[in-house]
């Protein structure tokens, strides 16, 4: 299983790029989705412009679709 993923990030105000980040572990009743397509929303554009203050390597693009990569259900049926 992959240990890292490619992420689209705001490197600092006015600068975006791609970087490798660790694949997160899902919490209870959570899932990880392997993104197949994503878009930036207006809040991402404002974030890059500095609306929420300085951020470093913050992952952008939560408007996404994809396939389920990993689940951690609250109740196990095994």
C-alpha atoms as a PDB file:
ATOM      1  CA  UNK A   1       0.000   0.000   0.000  1.00  0.00           C
ATOM      2  CA  UNK A   2       1.259   3.484  -0.838  1.00  0.00           C
ATOM      3  CA  UNK A   3       2.813   5.460   2.015  1.00  0.00           C
ATOM      4  CA  UNK A   4       2.821   8.841   0.271  1.00  0.00           C
ATOM      5  CA  UNK A   5       0.512  10.721  -2.059  1.00  0.00           C
ATOM      6  CA  UNK A   6       0.819  13.687  -4.387  1.00  0.00           C
ATOM      7  CA  UNK A   7      -0.962  16.774  -3.068  1.00  0.00           C
ATOM      8  CA  UNK A   8      -1.743  20.147  -4.653  1.00  0.00           C
ATOM      9  CA  UNK A   9      -0.742  22.745  -2.071  1.00  0.00           C
ATOM     10  CA  UNK A  10      -0.408  26.448  -1.430  1.00  0.00           C
ATOM     11  CA  UNK A  11       3.315  26.775  -0.696  1.00  0.00           C
ATOM     12  CA  UNK A  12       2.931  30.340   0.566  1.00  0.00           C
ATOM     13  CA  UNK A  13       0.711  33.316  -0.293  1.00  0.00           C
ATOM     14  CA  UNK A  14       0.536  33.589  -4.082  1.00  0.00           C
ATOM     15  CA  UNK A  15       2.392  30.323  -4.820  1.00  0.00           C
ATOM     16  CA  UNK A  16       0.986  26.835  -5.436  1.00  0.00           C
ATOM     17  CA  UNK A  17       2.625  23.536  -6.360  1.00  0.00           C
ATOM     18  CA  UNK A  18       2.625  19.770  -5.925  1.00  0.00           C
ATOM     19  CA  UNK A  19       4.362  17.835  -3.188  1.00  0.00           C
ATOM     20  CA  UNK A  20       4.537  14.376  -1.625  1.00  0.00           C
ATOM     21  CA  UNK A  21       2.682  13.995   1.676  1.00  0.00           C
ATOM     22  CA  UNK A  22       2.084  10.963   3.902  1.00  0.00           C
ATOM     23  CA  UNK A  23      -1.185   9.116   3.228  1.00  0.00           C
ATOM     24  CA  UNK A  24      -3.388   9.866   6.255  1.00  0.00           C
ATOM     25  CA  UNK A  25      -4.930   7.133   8.393  1.00  0.00           C
ATOM     26  CA  UNK A  26      -8.723   7.302   8.600  1.00  0.00           C
ATOM     27  CA  UNK A  27     -10.322   7.778  11.992  1.00  0.00           C
ATOM     28  CA  UNK A  28     -13.346   5.812  13.194  1.00  0.00           C
ATOM     29  CA  UNK A  29     -16.190   5.921  10.666  1.00  0.00           C
ATOM     30  CA  UNK A  30     -13.908   7.709   8.147  1.00  0.00           C
ATOM     31  CA  UNK A  31     -12.573   6.824   4.749  1.00  0.00           C
ATOM     32  CA  UNK A  32      -9.729   7.840   2.463  1.00  0.00           C
ATOM     33  CA  UNK A  33     -10.658   8.561  -1.168  1.00  0.00           C
ATOM     34  CA  UNK A  34      -8.065   8.269  -3.943  1.00  0.00           C
ATOM     35  CA  UNK A  35      -8.852  11.361  -5.996  1.00  0.00           C
ATOM     36  CA  UNK A  36      -9.444  10.872  -9.709  1.00  0.00           C
ATOM     37  CA  UNK A  37     -10.605  14.442 -10.447  1.00  0.00           C
ATOM     38  CA  UNK A  38     -10.681  17.627  -8.383  1.00  0.00           C
ATOM     39  CA  UNK A  39     -11.392  21.321  -8.732  1.00  0.00           C
ATOM     40  CA  UNK A  40     -10.477  24.346  -6.691  1.00  0.00           C
ATOM     41  CA  UNK A  41     -13.309  26.276  -5.121  1.00  0.00           C
ATOM     42  CA  UNK A  42     -13.550  29.975  -4.419  1.00  0.00           C
ATOM     43  CA  UNK A  43     -12.258  29.554  -0.859  1.00  0.00           C
ATOM     44  CA  UNK A  44      -9.090  27.872  -2.245  1.00  0.00           C
ATOM     45  CA  UNK A  45      -8.511  30.851  -4.543  1.00  0.00           C
ATOM     46  CA  UNK A  46      -8.929  33.231  -1.604  1.00  0.00           C
ATOM     47  CA  UNK A  47      -6.568  31.071   0.496  1.00  0.00           C
ATOM     48  CA  UNK A  48      -3.851  31.315  -2.175  1.00  0.00           C
ATOM     49  CA  UNK A  49      -4.386  35.094  -2.244  1.00  0.00           C
ATOM     50  CA  UNK A  50      -3.802  35.261   1.540  1.00  0.00           C
ATOM     51  CA  UNK A  51      -7.358  35.669   2.876  1.00  0.00           C
ATOM     52  CA  UNK A  52      -6.765  33.346   5.861  1.00  0.00           C
ATOM     53  CA  UNK A  53      -3.211  34.438   6.534  1.00  0.00           C
ATOM     54  CA  UNK A  54       0.102  32.778   5.846  1.00  0.00           C
ATOM     55  CA  UNK A  55      -0.099  29.029   5.215  1.00  0.00           C
ATOM     56  CA  UNK A  56       2.709  26.666   4.229  1.00  0.00           C
ATOM     57  CA  UNK A  57       2.113  23.473   2.211  1.00  0.00           C
ATOM     58  CA  UNK A  58      -1.641  23.476   2.905  1.00  0.00           C
ATOM     59  CA  UNK A  59      -3.468  20.902   0.733  1.00  0.00           C
ATOM     60  CA  UNK A  60      -6.091  22.432  -1.583  1.00  0.00           C
ATOM     61  CA  UNK A  61      -8.918  21.028  -3.697  1.00  0.00           C
ATOM     62  CA  UNK A  62     -11.559  19.397  -1.529  1.00  0.00           C
ATOM     63  CA  UNK A  63     -14.136  19.485  -4.364  1.00  0.00           C
ATOM     64  CA  UNK A  64     -13.215  15.991  -5.552  1.00  0.00           C
ATOM     65  CA  UNK A  65     -14.395  12.607  -6.787  1.00  0.00           C
ATOM     66  CA  UNK A  66     -12.555   9.322  -6.624  1.00  0.00           C
ATOM     67  CA  UNK A  67     -12.479   5.721  -5.476  1.00  0.00           C
ATOM     68  CA  UNK A  68     -12.515   4.438  -1.908  1.00  0.00           C
ATOM     69  CA  UNK A  69      -8.915   3.697  -0.909  1.00  0.00           C
ATOM     70  CA  UNK A  70      -9.302   2.750   2.745  1.00  0.00           C
ATOM     71  CA  UNK A  71     -12.152   2.590   5.288  1.00  0.00           C
ATOM     72  CA  UNK A  72     -12.273   2.416   9.051  1.00  0.00           C
ATOM     73  CA  UNK A  73     -15.920   1.737   9.950  1.00  0.00           C
ATOM     74  CA  UNK A  74     -17.297   2.361  13.414  1.00  0.00           C
ATOM     75  CA  UNK A  75     -18.802  -1.148  13.468  1.00  0.00           C
ATOM     76  CA  UNK A  76     -17.043  -4.165  12.014  1.00  0.00           C
ATOM     77  CA  UNK A  77     -19.104  -6.977  10.490  1.00  0.00           C
ATOM     78  CA  UNK A  78     -16.196  -9.440  10.350  1.00  0.00           C
END
